[in-house]
Every structure is written in structure tokens, then in C-alpha cells.
PDB file of N, CA and C in Angstrom:
ATOM      1  N   PRO A   1     -32.308  -5.153  13.718  1.00  0.00           N
ATOM      2  CA  PRO A   1     -31.373  -5.704  12.737  1.00  0.00           C
ATOM      3  C   PRO A   1     -29.917  -5.413  13.126  1.00  0.00           C
ATOM      4  N   ALA A   2     -29.026  -6.249  12.627  1.00  0.00           N
ATOM      5  CA  ALA A   2     -27.598  -6.082  12.895  1.00  0.00           C
ATOM      6  C   ALA A   2     -27.089  -4.791  12.272  1.00  0.00           C
ATOM      7  N   GLN A   3     -26.323  -4.052  13.038  1.00  0.00           N
ATOM      8  CA  GLN A   3     -25.672  -2.834  12.540  1.00  0.00           C
ATOM      9  C   GLN A   3     -24.249  -3.207  12.138  1.00  0.00           C
ATOM     10  N   HIS A   4     -23.833  -2.778  10.968  1.00  0.00           N
ATOM     11  CA  HIS A   4     -22.498  -3.092  10.473  1.00  0.00           C
ATOM     12  C   HIS A   4     -21.595  -1.868  10.593  1.00  0.00           C
ATOM     13  N   ASN A   5     -20.388  -2.098  11.087  1.00  0.00           N
ATOM     14  CA  ASN A   5     -19.370  -1.053  11.196  1.00  0.00           C
ATOM     15  C   ASN A   5     -18.123  -1.526  10.462  1.00  0.00           C
ATOM     16  N   VAL A   6     -17.452  -0.610   9.798  1.00  0.00           N
ATOM     17  CA  VAL A   6     -16.184  -0.907   9.151  1.00  0.00           C
ATOM     18  C   VAL A   6     -15.111  -0.119   9.898  1.00  0.00           C
ATOM     19  N   SER A   7     -14.135  -0.837  10.436  1.00  0.00           N
ATOM     20  CA  SER A   7     -13.013  -0.206  11.123  1.00  0.00           C
ATOM     21  C   SER A   7     -11.783  -0.349  10.249  1.00  0.00           C
ATOM     22  N   MET A   8     -10.960   0.693  10.218  1.00  0.00           N
ATOM     23  CA  MET A   8      -9.770   0.659   9.376  1.00  0.00           C
ATOM     24  C   MET A   8      -8.660   1.478  10.013  1.00  0.00           C
ATOM     25  N   THR A   9      -7.446   1.146   9.638  1.00  0.00           N
ATOM     26  CA  THR A   9      -6.289   1.931  10.034  1.00  0.00           C
ATOM     27  C   THR A   9      -5.800   2.654   8.793  1.00  0.00           C
ATOM     28  N   ILE A  10      -5.708   3.973   8.888  1.00  0.00           N
ATOM     29  CA  ILE A  10      -5.309   4.819   7.768  1.00  0.00           C
ATOM     30  C   ILE A  10      -3.847   5.203   7.956  1.00  0.00           C
ATOM     31  N   ALA A  11      -3.062   5.058   6.891  1.00  0.00           N
ATOM     32  CA  ALA A  11      -1.665   5.488   6.926  1.00  0.00           C
ATOM     33  C   ALA A  11      -1.576   6.875   6.298  1.00  0.00           C
ATOM     34  N   LEU A  12      -1.234   7.859   7.111  1.00  0.00           N
ATOM     35  CA  LEU A  12      -1.071   9.228   6.629  1.00  0.00           C
ATOM     36  C   LEU A  12       0.387   9.432   6.238  1.00  0.00           C
ATOM     37  N   GLY A  13       0.622   9.997   5.071  1.00  0.00           N
ATOM     38  CA  GLY A  13       1.961  10.108   4.508  1.00  0.00           C
ATOM     39  C   GLY A  13       2.735  11.314   4.982  1.00  0.00           C
ATOM     40  N   GLY A  14       2.897  11.487   6.263  1.00  0.00           N
ATOM     41  CA  GLY A  14       3.683  12.598   6.787  1.00  0.00           C
ATOM     42  C   GLY A  14       2.893  13.379   7.813  1.00  0.00           C
ATOM     43  N   SER A  15       3.603  14.223   8.555  1.00  0.00           N
ATOM     44  CA  SER A  15       2.961  14.943   9.653  1.00  0.00           C
ATOM     45  C   SER A  15       1.977  16.008   9.188  1.00  0.00           C
ATOM     46  N   CYS A  16       2.022  16.403   7.933  1.00  0.00           N
ATOM     47  CA  CYS A  16       1.108  17.444   7.455  1.00  0.00           C
ATOM     48  C   CYS A  16      -0.202  16.886   6.890  1.00  0.00           C
ATOM     49  N   GLU A  17      -0.230  15.611   6.534  1.00  0.00           N
ATOM     50  CA  GLU A  17      -1.460  15.028   6.005  1.00  0.00           C
ATOM     51  C   GLU A  17      -2.373  14.675   7.173  1.00  0.00           C
ATOM     52  N   THR A  18      -3.644  15.067   7.093  1.00  0.00           N
ATOM     53  CA  THR A  18      -4.599  14.784   8.159  1.00  0.00           C
ATOM     54  C   THR A  18      -5.847  14.136   7.585  1.00  0.00           C
ATOM     55  N   PHE A  19      -6.517  13.364   8.419  1.00  0.00           N
ATOM     56  CA  PHE A  19      -7.786  12.752   8.042  1.00  0.00           C
ATOM     57  C   PHE A  19      -8.826  13.851   7.851  1.00  0.00           C
ATOM     58  N   ASN A  20      -9.648  13.714   6.802  1.00  0.00           N
ATOM     59  CA  ASN A  20     -10.702  14.689   6.534  1.00  0.00           C
ATOM     60  C   ASN A  20     -12.082  14.070   6.747  1.00  0.00           C
ATOM     61  N   SER A  21     -12.406  13.017   5.986  1.00  0.00           N
ATOM     62  CA  SER A  21     -13.748  12.432   6.097  1.00  0.00           C
ATOM     63  C   SER A  21     -13.792  11.067   5.422  1.00  0.00           C
ATOM     64  N   ILE A  22     -14.897  10.377   5.649  1.00  0.00           N
ATOM     65  CA  ILE A  22     -15.160   9.100   4.999  1.00  0.00           C
ATOM     66  C   ILE A  22     -16.519   9.203   4.320  1.00  0.00           C
ATOM     67  N   ASP A  23     -16.562   8.909   3.029  1.00  0.00           N
ATOM     68  CA  ASP A  23     -17.812   8.821   2.275  1.00  0.00           C
ATOM     69  C   ASP A  23     -18.012   7.367   1.898  1.00  0.00           C
ATOM     70  N   TRP A  24     -19.262   6.899   1.882  1.00  0.00           N
ATOM     71  CA  TRP A  24     -19.502   5.521   1.495  1.00  0.00           C
ATOM     72  C   TRP A  24     -20.822   5.399   0.761  1.00  0.00           C
ATOM     73  N   SER A  25     -20.922   4.336  -0.037  1.00  0.00           N
ATOM     74  CA  SER A  25     -22.161   4.017  -0.744  1.00  0.00           C
ATOM     75  C   SER A  25     -22.191   2.512  -0.977  1.00  0.00           C
ATOM     76  N   VAL A  26     -23.373   2.006  -1.276  1.00  0.00           N
ATOM     77  CA  VAL A  26     -23.534   0.590  -1.607  1.00  0.00           C
ATOM     78  C   VAL A  26     -23.889   0.513  -3.085  1.00  0.00           C
ATOM     79  N   GLU A  27     -23.099  -0.280  -3.816  1.00  0.00           N
ATOM     80  CA  GLU A  27     -23.322  -0.480  -5.244  1.00  0.00           C
ATOM     81  C   GLU A  27     -23.439  -1.977  -5.481  1.00  0.00           C
ATOM     82  N   GLY A  28     -24.675  -2.472  -5.550  1.00  0.00           N
ATOM     83  CA  GLY A  28     -24.892  -3.918  -5.687  1.00  0.00           C
ATOM     84  C   GLY A  28     -24.443  -4.620  -4.425  1.00  0.00           C
ATOM     85  N   THR A  29     -23.432  -5.496  -4.550  1.00  0.00           N
ATOM     86  CA  THR A  29     -22.899  -6.209  -3.390  1.00  0.00           C
ATOM     87  C   THR A  29     -21.526  -5.657  -2.984  1.00  0.00           C
ATOM     88  N   GLU A  30     -21.275  -4.408  -3.323  1.00  0.00           N
ATOM     89  CA  GLU A  30     -20.041  -3.754  -2.912  1.00  0.00           C
ATOM     90  C   GLU A  30     -20.353  -2.544  -2.034  1.00  0.00           C
ATOM     91  N   VAL A  31     -19.644  -2.458  -0.921  1.00  0.00           N
ATOM     92  CA  VAL A  31     -19.686  -1.263  -0.087  1.00  0.00           C
ATOM     93  C   VAL A  31     -18.443  -0.471  -0.465  1.00  0.00           C
ATOM     94  N   VAL A  32     -18.648   0.672  -1.116  1.00  0.00           N
ATOM     95  CA  VAL A  32     -17.544   1.479  -1.629  1.00  0.00           C
ATOM     96  C   VAL A  32     -17.273   2.612  -0.643  1.00  0.00           C
ATOM     97  N   ILE A  33     -16.055   2.628  -0.107  1.00  0.00           N
ATOM     98  CA  ILE A  33     -15.668   3.610   0.899  1.00  0.00           C
ATOM     99  C   ILE A  33     -14.534   4.459   0.337  1.00  0.00           C
ATOM    100  N   GLU A  34     -14.678   5.769   0.452  1.00  0.00           N
ATOM    101  CA  GLU A  34     -13.628   6.699   0.044  1.00  0.00           C
ATOM    102  C   GLU A  34     -13.142   7.423   1.301  1.00  0.00           C
ATOM    103  N   VAL A  35     -11.876   7.235   1.621  1.00  0.00           N
ATOM    104  CA  VAL A  35     -11.254   7.925   2.742  1.00  0.00           C
ATOM    105  C   VAL A  35     -10.565   9.159   2.177  1.00  0.00           C
ATOM    106  N   LEU A  36     -10.947  10.318   2.682  1.00  0.00           N
ATOM    107  CA  LEU A  36     -10.395  11.568   2.188  1.00  0.00           C
ATOM    108  C   LEU A  36      -9.458  12.180   3.224  1.00  0.00           C
ATOM    109  N   THR A  37      -8.290  12.609   2.756  1.00  0.00           N
ATOM    110  CA  THR A  37      -7.326  13.285   3.617  1.00  0.00           C
ATOM    111  C   THR A  37      -7.059  14.662   3.043  1.00  0.00           C
ATOM    112  N   GLN A  38      -6.335  15.471   3.790  1.00  0.00           N
ATOM    113  CA  GLN A  38      -5.995  16.805   3.294  1.00  0.00           C
ATOM    114  C   GLN A  38      -4.592  17.180   3.736  1.00  0.00           C
ATOM    115  N   VAL A  39      -3.987  18.045   2.968  1.00  0.00           N
ATOM    116  CA  VAL A  39      -2.672  18.597   3.302  1.00  0.00           C
ATOM    117  C   VAL A  39      -2.781  20.111   3.225  1.00  0.00           C
ATOM    118  N   PRO A  40      -1.982  20.829   3.999  1.00  0.00           N
ATOM    119  CA  PRO A  40      -2.073  22.288   3.964  1.00  0.00           C
ATOM    120  C   PRO A  40      -1.623  22.840   2.610  1.00  0.00           C
ATOM    121  N   THR A  41      -2.226  23.935   2.211  1.00  0.00           N
ATOM    122  CA  THR A  41      -1.844  24.573   0.950  1.00  0.00           C
ATOM    123  C   THR A  41      -0.673  25.523   1.137  1.00  0.00           C
ATOM    124  N   ALA A  42      -0.465  25.996   2.340  1.00  0.00           N
ATOM    125  CA  ALA A  42       0.665  26.892   2.635  1.00  0.00           C
ATOM    126  C   ALA A  42       1.910  26.056   2.945  1.00  0.00           C
ATOM    127  N   LEU A  43       3.056  26.629   2.721  1.00  0.00           N
ATOM    128  CA  LEU A  43       4.305  25.949   3.055  1.00  0.00           C
ATOM    129  C   LEU A  43       4.474  25.920   4.570  1.00  0.00           C
ATOM    130  N   VAL A  44       4.530  24.707   5.104  1.00  0.00           N
ATOM    131  CA  VAL A  44       4.755  24.518   6.536  1.00  0.00           C
ATOM    132  C   VAL A  44       5.751  23.372   6.699  1.00  0.00           C
ATOM    133  N   PRO A  45       6.508  23.356   7.781  1.00  0.00           N
ATOM    134  CA  PRO A  45       7.454  22.253   7.982  1.00  0.00           C
ATOM    135  C   PRO A  45       6.703  20.955   8.295  1.00  0.00           C
ATOM    136  N   CYS A  46       7.111  19.892   7.630  1.00  0.00           N
ATOM    137  CA  CYS A  46       6.477  18.585   7.821  1.00  0.00           C
ATOM    138  C   CYS A  46       7.562  17.521   7.952  1.00  0.00           C
ATOM    139  N   THR A  47       7.209  16.420   8.572  1.00  0.00           N
ATOM    140  CA  THR A  47       8.105  15.268   8.596  1.00  0.00           C
ATOM    141  C   THR A  47       7.575  14.237   7.612  1.00  0.00           C
ATOM    142  N   LEU A  48       8.423  13.306   7.232  1.00  0.00           N
ATOM    143  CA  LEU A  48       8.010  12.241   6.322  1.00  0.00           C
ATOM    144  C   LEU A  48       7.560  10.994   7.071  1.00  0.00           C
ATOM    145  N   ALA A  49       7.486  11.080   8.375  1.00  0.00           N
ATOM    146  CA  ALA A  49       7.081   9.929   9.181  1.00  0.00           C
ATOM    147  C   ALA A  49       5.653   9.527   8.841  1.00  0.00           C
ATOM    148  N   ILE A  50       5.440   8.237   8.634  1.00  0.00           N
ATOM    149  CA  ILE A  50       4.087   7.733   8.382  1.00  0.00           C
ATOM    150  C   ILE A  50       3.347   7.682   9.715  1.00  0.00           C
ATOM    151  N   ILE A  51       2.161   8.230   9.732  1.00  0.00           N
ATOM    152  CA  ILE A  51       1.335   8.276  10.940  1.00  0.00           C
ATOM    153  C   ILE A  51       0.113   7.398  10.697  1.00  0.00           C
ATOM    154  N   TYR A  52      -0.201   6.539  11.654  1.00  0.00           N
ATOM    155  CA  TYR A  52      -1.347   5.644  11.543  1.00  0.00           C
ATOM    156  C   TYR A  52      -2.479   6.166  12.422  1.00  0.00           C
ATOM    157  N   GLU A  53      -3.682   6.118  11.869  1.00  0.00           N
ATOM    158  CA  GLU A  53      -4.852   6.613  12.592  1.00  0.00           C
ATOM    159  C   GLU A  53      -5.998   5.631  12.394  1.00  0.00           C
ATOM    160  N   ASP A  54      -6.669   5.265  13.474  1.00  0.00           N
ATOM    161  CA  ASP A  54      -7.815   4.362  13.398  1.00  0.00           C
ATOM    162  C   ASP A  54      -9.089   5.166  13.159  1.00  0.00           C
ATOM    163  N   GLN A  55      -9.902   4.683  12.230  1.00  0.00           N
ATOM    164  CA  GLN A  55     -11.190   5.307  11.922  1.00  0.00           C
ATOM    165  C   GLN A  55     -12.245   4.215  11.798  1.00  0.00           C
ATOM    166  N   SER A  56     -13.475   4.590  11.970  1.00  0.00           N
ATOM    167  CA  SER A  56     -14.591   3.653  11.877  1.00  0.00           C
ATOM    168  C   SER A  56     -15.773   4.363  11.246  1.00  0.00           C
ATOM    169  N   VAL A  57     -16.575   3.614  10.489  1.00  0.00           N
ATOM    170  CA  VAL A  57     -17.774   4.178   9.893  1.00  0.00           C
ATOM    171  C   VAL A  57     -18.911   3.153  10.028  1.00  0.00           C
ATOM    172  N   SER A  58     -20.075   3.626  10.450  1.00  0.00           N
ATOM    173  CA  SER A  58     -21.262   2.781  10.540  1.00  0.00           C
ATOM    174  C   SER A  58     -21.937   2.768   9.171  1.00  0.00           C
ATOM    175  N   ILE A  59     -22.135   1.563   8.627  1.00  0.00           N
ATOM    176  CA  ILE A  59     -22.778   1.454   7.310  1.00  0.00           C
ATOM    177  C   ILE A  59     -24.209   0.932   7.414  1.00  0.00           C
ATOM    178  N   GLY A  60     -24.737   0.899   8.627  1.00  0.00           N
ATOM    179  CA  GLY A  60     -26.151   0.592   8.818  1.00  0.00           C
ATOM    180  C   GLY A  60     -26.485  -0.882   8.825  1.00  0.00           C
ATOM    181  N   SER A  61     -27.742  -1.179   8.521  1.00  0.00           N
ATOM    182  CA  SER A  61     -28.243  -2.547   8.634  1.00  0.00           C
ATOM    183  C   SER A  61     -28.983  -3.018   7.387  1.00  0.00           C
ATOM    184  N   ASP A  62     -28.957  -2.259   6.334  1.00  0.00           N
ATOM    185  CA  ASP A  62     -29.768  -2.549   5.148  1.00  0.00           C
ATOM    186  C   ASP A  62     -29.048  -3.500   4.184  1.00  0.00           C
ATOM    187  N   PHE A  63     -28.699  -4.711   4.697  1.00  0.00           N
ATOM    188  CA  PHE A  63     -27.990  -5.696   3.898  1.00  0.00           C
ATOM    189  C   PHE A  63     -28.752  -7.014   3.935  1.00  0.00           C
ATOM    190  N   GLU A  64     -28.892  -7.644   2.788  1.00  0.00           N
ATOM    191  CA  GLU A  64     -29.671  -8.879   2.664  1.00  0.00           C
ATOM    192  C   GLU A  64     -28.960 -10.019   3.393  1.00  0.00           C
ATOM    193  N   ALA A  65     -29.702 -10.736   4.235  1.00  0.00           N
ATOM    194  CA  ALA A  65     -29.148 -11.836   5.016  1.00  0.00           C
ATOM    195  C   ALA A  65     -28.566 -12.906   4.101  1.00  0.00           C
ATOM    196  N   GLY A  66     -27.369 -13.385   4.457  1.00  0.00           N
ATOM    197  CA  GLY A  66     -26.726 -14.468   3.722  1.00  0.00           C
ATOM    198  C   GLY A  66     -25.984 -14.044   2.465  1.00  0.00           C
ATOM    199  N   VAL A  67     -26.086 -12.779   2.083  1.00  0.00           N
ATOM    200  CA  VAL A  67     -25.405 -12.288   0.876  1.00  0.00           C
ATOM    201  C   VAL A  67     -24.043 -11.744   1.274  1.00  0.00           C
ATOM    202  N   GLU A  68     -23.003 -12.107   0.508  1.00  0.00           N
ATOM    203  CA  GLU A  68     -21.655 -11.619   0.782  1.00  0.00           C
ATOM    204  C   GLU A  68     -21.449 -10.265   0.109  1.00  0.00           C
ATOM    205  N   TYR A  69     -20.957  -9.307   0.880  1.00  0.00           N
ATOM    206  CA  TYR A  69     -20.683  -7.953   0.395  1.00  0.00           C
ATOM    207  C   TYR A  69     -19.179  -7.695   0.474  1.00  0.00           C
ATOM    208  N   ASP A  70     -18.610  -7.147  -0.581  1.00  0.00           N
ATOM    209  CA  ASP A  70     -17.199  -6.789  -0.605  1.00  0.00           C
ATOM    210  C   ASP A  70     -17.031  -5.367  -0.084  1.00  0.00           C
ATOM    211  N   ILE A  71     -15.945  -5.149   0.646  1.00  0.00           N
ATOM    212  CA  ILE A  71     -15.585  -3.817   1.124  1.00  0.00           C
ATOM    213  C   ILE A  71     -14.484  -3.286   0.205  1.00  0.00           C
ATOM    214  N   ILE A  72     -14.749  -2.180  -0.482  1.00  0.00           N
ATOM    215  CA  ILE A  72     -13.795  -1.552  -1.387  1.00  0.00           C
ATOM    216  C   ILE A  72     -13.408  -0.208  -0.775  1.00  0.00           C
ATOM    217  N   VAL A  73     -12.121  -0.046  -0.439  1.00  0.00           N
ATOM    218  CA  VAL A  73     -11.643   1.195   0.162  1.00  0.00           C
ATOM    219  C   VAL A  73     -10.666   1.861  -0.800  1.00  0.00           C
ATOM    220  N   ASN A  74     -11.010   3.070  -1.213  1.00  0.00           N
ATOM    221  CA  ASN A  74     -10.175   3.830  -2.157  1.00  0.00           C
ATOM    222  C   ASN A  74      -9.776   2.975  -3.359  1.00  0.00           C
ATOM    223  N   GLY A  75     -10.741   2.232  -3.883  1.00  0.00           N
ATOM    224  CA  GLY A  75     -10.546   1.463  -5.103  1.00  0.00           C
ATOM    225  C   GLY A  75      -9.977   0.074  -4.941  1.00  0.00           C
ATOM    226  N   GLU A  76      -9.659  -0.354  -3.714  1.00  0.00           N
ATOM    227  CA  GLU A  76      -9.071  -1.671  -3.495  1.00  0.00           C
ATOM    228  C   GLU A  76      -9.928  -2.503  -2.552  1.00  0.00           C
ATOM    229  N   ARG A  77     -10.123  -3.802  -2.923  1.00  0.00           N
ATOM    230  CA  ARG A  77     -10.897  -4.707  -2.073  1.00  0.00           C
ATOM    231  C   ARG A  77     -10.113  -4.965  -0.789  1.00  0.00           C
ATOM    232  N   GLN A  78     -10.770  -4.747   0.352  1.00  0.00           N
ATOM    233  CA  GLN A  78     -10.121  -4.900   1.654  1.00  0.00           C
ATOM    234  C   GLN A  78     -10.721  -6.009   2.499  1.00  0.00           C
ATOM    235  N   GLY A  79     -11.803  -6.624   2.044  1.00  0.00           N
ATOM    236  CA  GLY A  79     -12.436  -7.676   2.822  1.00  0.00           C
ATOM    237  C   GLY A  79     -13.877  -7.837   2.404  1.00  0.00           C
ATOM    238  N   SER A  80     -14.599  -8.629   3.186  1.00  0.00           N
ATOM    239  CA  SER A  80     -16.018  -8.857   2.894  1.00  0.00           C
ATOM    240  C   SER A  80     -16.738  -9.224   4.177  1.00  0.00           C
ATOM    241  N   PHE A  81     -18.073  -9.227   4.102  1.00  0.00           N
ATOM    242  CA  PHE A  81     -18.903  -9.651   5.228  1.00  0.00           C
ATOM    243  C   PHE A  81     -20.216 -10.174   4.666  1.00  0.00           C
ATOM    244  N   PHE A  82     -20.954 -10.901   5.504  1.00  0.00           N
ATOM    245  CA  PHE A  82     -22.261 -11.411   5.114  1.00  0.00           C
ATOM    246  C   PHE A  82     -23.336 -10.570   5.791  1.00  0.00           C
ATOM    247  N   GLY A  83     -24.322 -10.163   5.011  1.00  0.00           N
ATOM    248  CA  GLY A  83     -25.444  -9.410   5.553  1.00  0.00           C
ATOM    249  C   GLY A  83     -26.270 -10.282   6.476  1.00  0.00           C
ATOM    250  N   GLY A  84     -27.044  -9.610   7.301  1.00  0.00           N
ATOM    251  CA  GLY A  84     -27.888 -10.385   8.191  1.00  0.00           C
ATOM    252  C   GLY A  84     -28.332  -9.636   9.392  1.00  0.00           C
TER     253      GLY A  84
END
């Protein structure tokens, strides 16, 4: 079966924010993805420069052929794909 991958570019809000993890689940015809970042708890010097980072997550192959699935990232629809 076809394996589905979701690729995304994450905008980190400064030099101290770093990528942590990606959690995902399927709810009906929505693939819900939560991108988690972290910032240090101690005071450290940071810049305000936005940093872009590419990430990808494999969401498997368990999607019904011909059915359209929406991709929801951190609460916002970012696209869709057809299972198959």
C-alpha cells in the first residue's frame, strides 16, 4: 500500500526556540498534527530572527482509497490528500 508522508517547514520564533517533536492522529477524515517546540527555562541570550526548519512525518498507509483527508497542523487546515 501507498505510504503517506507529510512534509512541512516550521518557523521557529527566535534562536532559542527549538523543534521538539511531532504528534499525529487520524480523526475521521482529518489527519491532526501537533508540532511541539521548546524554549529554555533559564535566561540565555537569544535573537529574534525567525529560523525555518524542514520536518517530515510518516503517517502510514491506513487510508481509504478515493477518500479526501484534510491535514490539520496546530489547529489550522494546511492541505489535503486522497487515500489510496
